[in-house]
Amino acid sequence: MEFLCFHRDRRGTAPLREALREDHWSYMDRFASGMIARGPTLADDGATPTGSLHIVDLPDPAAARAFAFDEPNYQAGVYRDVLLRRWGNTLGRSMGDFPGGPVGGNRYLVLALGVGRAVDLAVPPDPDRLIAYGPLLSDDGDAWLGTAMLVQASHPEAARALLTVRRYTDIEVRNWQFGGRR
């Protein structure tokens, strides 16, 4: 089962986040074989972390909750909240398979929350711009709750425009970059 886990940072915790970098990476190393995508979201300055995204294959919802809440930054108070949802890997690949590579261009995390009839289940045109794409689902996988994607686009509105915008109750677009050990 694939899960999307997005931890949003508390204000003023960048020094603590930096101090815990190795602990965070060591923790994530334990999940490397199931990691589909990972990386920080960033403020408009392109450097200040605002959150941490992980899309990972795990056995079940209980394992996903343990993954999210046992994470060292979460345990130390770096994060203010966590979005944890089942996710469907519509592209069937990991970020390492992205044709555009790990650097270059503007990259965005788009989280679109919805209710009712599912939309945007098919891959949008120009899939080579998509790093990861798929539906957000309930724990049992039966209810569609929205769409999440990582995309390379010219600007945030171009990333947002890949979705059926009027069908979502909220769409959040954040600067994002490939994560992992450097």
C-alpha atoms as a PDB file:
ATOM      1  CA  MET A   1       0.000   0.000   0.000  1.00  0.00           C
ATOM      2  CA  GLU A   2       1.317   3.408  -0.921  1.00  0.00           C
ATOM      3  CA  PHE A   3       0.965   6.318   1.477  1.00  0.00           C
ATOM      4  CA  LEU A   4       1.610  10.034   1.221  1.00  0.00           C
ATOM      5  CA  CYS A   5       2.950  11.632   4.383  1.00  0.00           C
ATOM      6  CA  PHE A   6       3.379  15.400   4.488  1.00  0.00           C
ATOM      7  CA  HIS A   7       4.755  16.964   7.670  1.00  0.00           C
ATOM      8  CA  ARG A   8       4.346  20.769   7.847  1.00  0.00           C
ATOM      9  CA  ASP A   9       7.025  22.615   9.830  1.00  0.00           C
ATOM     10  CA  ARG A  10       6.364  24.815  12.846  1.00  0.00           C
ATOM     11  CA  ARG A  11       7.684  28.339  12.461  1.00  0.00           C
ATOM     12  CA  GLY A  12      11.147  28.885  13.855  1.00  0.00           C
ATOM     13  CA  THR A  13      12.187  25.218  13.918  1.00  0.00           C
ATOM     14  CA  ALA A  14      14.746  25.347  11.085  1.00  0.00           C
ATOM     15  CA  PRO A  15      17.727  25.144  13.498  1.00  0.00           C
ATOM     16  CA  LEU A  16      16.221  22.075  15.205  1.00  0.00           C
ATOM     17  CA  ARG A  17      15.481  20.514  11.812  1.00  0.00           C
ATOM     18  CA  GLU A  18      19.096  21.073  10.783  1.00  0.00           C
ATOM     19  CA  ALA A  19      20.392  19.562  14.040  1.00  0.00           C
ATOM     20  CA  LEU A  20      18.283  16.441  13.414  1.00  0.00           C
ATOM     21  CA  ARG A  21      19.206  16.031   9.723  1.00  0.00           C
ATOM     22  CA  GLU A  22      21.269  12.867  10.190  1.00  0.00           C
ATOM     23  CA  ASP A  23      18.682  11.330  12.539  1.00  0.00           C
ATOM     24  CA  HIS A  24      15.979  12.045   9.937  1.00  0.00           C
ATOM     25  CA  TRP A  25      17.993  10.561   7.076  1.00  0.00           C
ATOM     26  CA  SER A  26      18.992   7.504   9.116  1.00  0.00           C
ATOM     27  CA  TYR A  27      15.325   6.927   9.945  1.00  0.00           C
ATOM     28  CA  MET A  28      14.341   7.276   6.282  1.00  0.00           C
ATOM     29  CA  ASP A  29      17.131   4.889   5.232  1.00  0.00           C
ATOM     30  CA  ARG A  30      15.129   2.138   6.939  1.00  0.00           C
ATOM     31  CA  PHE A  31      12.355   2.700   4.369  1.00  0.00           C
ATOM     32  CA  ALA A  32      14.541   3.203   1.276  1.00  0.00           C
ATOM     33  CA  SER A  33      13.304   0.104  -0.549  1.00  0.00           C
ATOM     34  CA  GLY A  34       9.695   1.367  -0.447  1.00  0.00           C
ATOM     35  CA  MET A  35      10.376   5.067  -1.021  1.00  0.00           C
ATOM     36  CA  ILE A  36       8.573   6.417  -4.082  1.00  0.00           C
ATOM     37  CA  ALA A  37       9.334  10.103  -3.528  1.00  0.00           C
ATOM     38  CA  ARG A  38      10.746  12.306  -0.806  1.00  0.00           C
ATOM     39  CA  GLY A  39      11.919  15.823  -0.270  1.00  0.00           C
ATOM     40  CA  PRO A  40      11.380  19.124   1.480  1.00  0.00           C
ATOM     41  CA  THR A  41       8.910  21.831   0.606  1.00  0.00           C
ATOM     42  CA  LEU A  42      10.468  25.278   0.588  1.00  0.00           C
ATOM     43  CA  ALA A  43       9.511  28.894   1.213  1.00  0.00           C
ATOM     44  CA  ASP A  44       9.487  31.359  -1.683  1.00  0.00           C
ATOM     45  CA  ASP A  45      13.205  32.010  -1.085  1.00  0.00           C
ATOM     46  CA  GLY A  46      13.853  28.471  -2.377  1.00  0.00           C
ATOM     47  CA  ALA A  47      16.025  27.609   0.626  1.00  0.00           C
ATOM     48  CA  THR A  48      14.001  27.692   3.865  1.00  0.00           C
ATOM     49  CA  PRO A  49      12.263  24.352   4.583  1.00  0.00           C
ATOM     50  CA  THR A  50       8.515  24.515   5.271  1.00  0.00           C
ATOM     51  CA  GLY A  51       7.722  20.814   5.350  1.00  0.00           C
ATOM     52  CA  SER A  52       8.780  17.295   4.483  1.00  0.00           C
ATOM     53  CA  LEU A  53       7.069  14.996   1.975  1.00  0.00           C
ATOM     54  CA  HIS A  54       7.424  11.223   1.801  1.00  0.00           C
ATOM     55  CA  ILE A  55       5.524   8.864  -0.475  1.00  0.00           C
ATOM     56  CA  VAL A  56       6.272   5.329   0.622  1.00  0.00           C
ATOM     57  CA  ASP A  57       5.032   1.793   0.165  1.00  0.00           C
ATOM     58  CA  LEU A  58       4.154   0.268   3.555  1.00  0.00           C
ATOM     59  CA  PRO A  59       2.243  -2.864   4.629  1.00  0.00           C
ATOM     60  CA  ASP A  60      -0.853  -1.189   6.093  1.00  0.00           C
ATOM     61  CA  PRO A  61      -2.316   1.978   7.682  1.00  0.00           C
ATOM     62  CA  ALA A  62      -0.866   1.100  11.114  1.00  0.00           C
ATOM     63  CA  ALA A  63       2.636   0.940   9.620  1.00  0.00           C
ATOM     64  CA  ALA A  64       1.999   4.269   7.895  1.00  0.00           C
ATOM     65  CA  ARG A  65       0.988   5.904  11.182  1.00  0.00           C
ATOM     66  CA  ALA A  66       4.119   4.532  12.857  1.00  0.00           C
ATOM     67  CA  PHE A  67       6.227   5.835   9.946  1.00  0.00           C
ATOM     68  CA  ALA A  68       4.723   9.325  10.282  1.00  0.00           C
ATOM     69  CA  PHE A  69       4.719   9.694  14.051  1.00  0.00           C
ATOM     70  CA  ASP A  70       7.941   7.901  14.987  1.00  0.00           C
ATOM     71  CA  GLU A  71       9.942  10.150  12.642  1.00  0.00           C
ATOM     72  CA  PRO A  72      12.664  12.025  14.634  1.00  0.00           C
ATOM     73  CA  ASN A  73      11.631  15.524  13.526  1.00  0.00           C
ATOM     74  CA  TYR A  74       8.030  14.809  14.506  1.00  0.00           C
ATOM     75  CA  GLN A  75       9.119  13.412  17.875  1.00  0.00           C
ATOM     76  CA  ALA A  76      11.275  16.524  18.538  1.00  0.00           C
ATOM     77  CA  GLY A  77       8.508  19.020  17.671  1.00  0.00           C
ATOM     78  CA  VAL A  78       9.758  20.295  14.298  1.00  0.00           C
ATOM     79  CA  TYR A  79       6.373  19.678  12.661  1.00  0.00           C
ATOM     80  CA  ARG A  80       3.077  21.407  13.404  1.00  0.00           C
ATOM     81  CA  ASP A  81       0.847  18.853  11.678  1.00  0.00           C
ATOM     82  CA  VAL A  82       0.813  15.779   9.484  1.00  0.00           C
ATOM     83  CA  LEU A  83      -1.259  14.863   6.441  1.00  0.00           C
ATOM     84  CA  LEU A  84      -1.256  11.082   6.058  1.00  0.00           C
ATOM     85  CA  ARG A  85      -3.310   9.430   3.301  1.00  0.00           C
ATOM     86  CA  ARG A  86      -3.278   6.335   1.162  1.00  0.00           C
ATOM     87  CA  TRP A  87      -2.119   7.253  -2.297  1.00  0.00           C
ATOM     88  CA  GLY A  88      -2.274   5.542  -5.679  1.00  0.00           C
ATOM     89  CA  ASN A  89       0.881   5.565  -7.800  1.00  0.00           C
ATOM     90  CA  THR A  90      -0.804   6.282 -11.133  1.00  0.00           C
ATOM     91  CA  LEU A  91       2.560   6.649 -12.906  1.00  0.00           C
ATOM     92  CA  GLY A  92       3.861   3.378 -11.476  1.00  0.00           C
ATOM     93  CA  ARG A  93       7.345   4.777 -10.899  1.00  0.00           C
ATOM     94  CA  SER A  94       9.522   6.455  -8.300  1.00  0.00           C
ATOM     95  CA  MET A  95      11.063   9.924  -8.424  1.00  0.00           C
ATOM     96  CA  GLY A  96      14.336   8.302  -9.499  1.00  0.00           C
ATOM     97  CA  ASP A  97      12.635   7.381 -12.778  1.00  0.00           C
ATOM     98  CA  PHE A  98      11.603  10.978 -13.533  1.00  0.00           C
ATOM     99  CA  PRO A  99      12.930  11.834 -17.025  1.00  0.00           C
ATOM    100  CA  GLY A 100      13.847  15.384 -15.939  1.00  0.00           C
ATOM    101  CA  GLY A 101      16.305  14.193 -13.297  1.00  0.00           C
ATOM    102  CA  PRO A 102      16.722  15.438  -9.722  1.00  0.00           C
ATOM    103  CA  VAL A 103      17.740  19.058 -10.439  1.00  0.00           C
ATOM    104  CA  GLY A 104      16.681  21.887 -12.698  1.00  0.00           C
ATOM    105  CA  GLY A 105      13.400  23.630 -13.320  1.00  0.00           C
ATOM    106  CA  ASN A 106      10.710  24.616 -10.854  1.00  0.00           C
ATOM    107  CA  ARG A 107       9.296  21.663  -8.886  1.00  0.00           C
ATOM    108  CA  TYR A 108       6.040  21.739  -6.944  1.00  0.00           C
ATOM    109  CA  LEU A 109       4.038  19.629  -4.545  1.00  0.00           C
ATOM    110  CA  VAL A 110       0.329  19.993  -5.314  1.00  0.00           C
ATOM    111  CA  LEU A 111      -2.144  18.729  -2.705  1.00  0.00           C
ATOM    112  CA  ALA A 112      -5.751  18.969  -3.866  1.00  0.00           C
ATOM    113  CA  LEU A 113      -8.450  17.933  -1.386  1.00  0.00           C
ATOM    114  CA  GLY A 114     -11.842  16.951  -2.699  1.00  0.00           C
ATOM    115  CA  VAL A 115     -15.158  15.343  -1.847  1.00  0.00           C
ATOM    116  CA  GLY A 116     -17.711  13.456  -3.870  1.00  0.00           C
ATOM    117  CA  ARG A 117     -17.111  11.936  -7.275  1.00  0.00           C
ATOM    118  CA  ALA A 118     -13.462  11.285  -8.096  1.00  0.00           C
ATOM    119  CA  VAL A 119     -11.748  13.407 -10.751  1.00  0.00           C
ATOM    120  CA  ASP A 120      -8.296  13.506 -12.304  1.00  0.00           C
ATOM    121  CA  LEU A 121      -7.761   9.748 -12.052  1.00  0.00           C
ATOM    122  CA  ALA A 122      -6.103   9.598 -15.484  1.00  0.00           C
ATOM    123  CA  VAL A 123      -2.586  10.896 -16.047  1.00  0.00           C
ATOM    124  CA  PRO A 124      -2.642  14.483 -17.350  1.00  0.00           C
ATOM    125  CA  PRO A 125      -1.125  15.315 -20.738  1.00  0.00           C
ATOM    126  CA  ASP A 126       2.679  15.599 -20.879  1.00  0.00           C
ATOM    127  CA  PRO A 127       3.473  12.985 -18.201  1.00  0.00           C
ATOM    128  CA  ASP A 128       7.202  13.713 -18.573  1.00  0.00           C
ATOM    129  CA  ARG A 129       6.601  16.798 -16.375  1.00  0.00           C
ATOM    130  CA  LEU A 130       5.152  14.602 -13.626  1.00  0.00           C
ATOM    131  CA  ILE A 131       7.473  13.289 -10.940  1.00  0.00           C
ATOM    132  CA  ALA A 132       4.674  11.538  -9.011  1.00  0.00           C
ATOM    133  CA  TYR A 133       0.912  11.571  -9.519  1.00  0.00           C
ATOM    134  CA  GLY A 134      -2.091   9.853  -7.982  1.00  0.00           C
ATOM    135  CA  PRO A 135      -5.270   9.950  -5.943  1.00  0.00           C
ATOM    136  CA  LEU A 136      -5.462  10.481  -2.187  1.00  0.00           C
ATOM    137  CA  LEU A 137      -7.627   7.761  -0.673  1.00  0.00           C
ATOM    138  CA  SER A 138      -9.236   6.691   2.588  1.00  0.00           C
ATOM    139  CA  ASP A 139      -7.373   4.073   4.660  1.00  0.00           C
ATOM    140  CA  ASP A 140      -9.435   1.266   3.116  1.00  0.00           C
ATOM    141  CA  GLY A 141      -8.836   2.660  -0.387  1.00  0.00           C
ATOM    142  CA  ASP A 142     -12.558   2.948  -1.134  1.00  0.00           C
ATOM    143  CA  ALA A 143     -13.109   6.721  -0.885  1.00  0.00           C
ATOM    144  CA  TRP A 144     -11.427   9.300  -3.096  1.00  0.00           C
ATOM    145  CA  LEU A 145     -10.224  12.269  -1.009  1.00  0.00           C
ATOM    146  CA  GLY A 146      -8.286  14.255  -3.588  1.00  0.00           C
ATOM    147  CA  THR A 147      -5.184  14.221  -5.755  1.00  0.00           C
ATOM    148  CA  ALA A 148      -1.500  14.706  -4.993  1.00  0.00           C
ATOM    149  CA  MET A 149       1.314  15.277  -7.443  1.00  0.00           C
ATOM    150  CA  LEU A 150       4.903  16.344  -7.757  1.00  0.00           C
ATOM    151  CA  VAL A 151       5.396  18.257 -10.973  1.00  0.00           C
ATOM    152  CA  GLN A 152       7.896  20.344 -12.883  1.00  0.00           C
ATOM    153  CA  ALA A 153       6.165  23.483 -14.142  1.00  0.00           C
ATOM    154  CA  SER A 154       6.972  27.045 -15.135  1.00  0.00           C
ATOM    155  CA  HIS A 155       5.168  28.484 -12.084  1.00  0.00           C
ATOM    156  CA  PRO A 156       2.686  27.446  -9.345  1.00  0.00           C
ATOM    157  CA  GLU A 157      -0.411  28.313 -11.393  1.00  0.00           C
ATOM    158  CA  ALA A 158       0.793  26.109 -14.252  1.00  0.00           C
ATOM    159  CA  ALA A 159       1.122  23.233 -11.758  1.00  0.00           C
ATOM    160  CA  ARG A 160      -2.371  23.900 -10.374  1.00  0.00           C
ATOM    161  CA  ALA A 161      -3.827  24.061 -13.892  1.00  0.00           C
ATOM    162  CA  LEU A 162      -3.114  20.360 -14.469  1.00  0.00           C
ATOM    163  CA  LEU A 163      -6.106  19.585 -12.229  1.00  0.00           C
ATOM    164  CA  THR A 164      -9.847  20.065 -12.608  1.00  0.00           C
ATOM    165  CA  VAL A 165      -9.575  23.029 -10.242  1.00  0.00           C
ATOM    166  CA  ARG A 166     -13.298  23.637  -9.652  1.00  0.00           C
ATOM    167  CA  ARG A 167     -13.764  20.087  -8.334  1.00  0.00           C
ATOM    168  CA  TYR A 168     -11.571  20.557  -5.250  1.00  0.00           C
ATOM    169  CA  THR A 169     -12.373  22.193  -1.924  1.00  0.00           C
ATOM    170  CA  ASP A 170      -8.740  23.239  -1.407  1.00  0.00           C
ATOM    171  CA  ILE A 171      -5.566  23.185  -3.494  1.00  0.00           C
ATOM    172  CA  GLU A 172      -2.179  23.807  -1.914  1.00  0.00           C
ATOM    173  CA  VAL A 173       0.879  24.366  -4.129  1.00  0.00           C
ATOM    174  CA  ARG A 174       4.334  24.415  -2.517  1.00  0.00           C
ATOM    175  CA  ASN A 175       7.876  24.675  -3.838  1.00  0.00           C
ATOM    176  CA  TRP A 176       9.475  21.240  -3.593  1.00  0.00           C
ATOM    177  CA  GLN A 177      12.832  19.638  -4.291  1.00  0.00           C
ATOM    178  CA  PHE A 178      14.149  16.082  -4.545  1.00  0.00           C
ATOM    179  CA  GLY A 179      15.219  14.834  -1.134  1.00  0.00           C
ATOM    180  CA  GLY A 180      17.548  12.241   0.284  1.00  0.00           C
ATOM    181  CA  ARG A 181      21.137  12.105   1.347  1.00  0.00           C
ATOM    182  CA  ARG A 182      23.445  14.666  -0.196  1.00  0.00           C
END
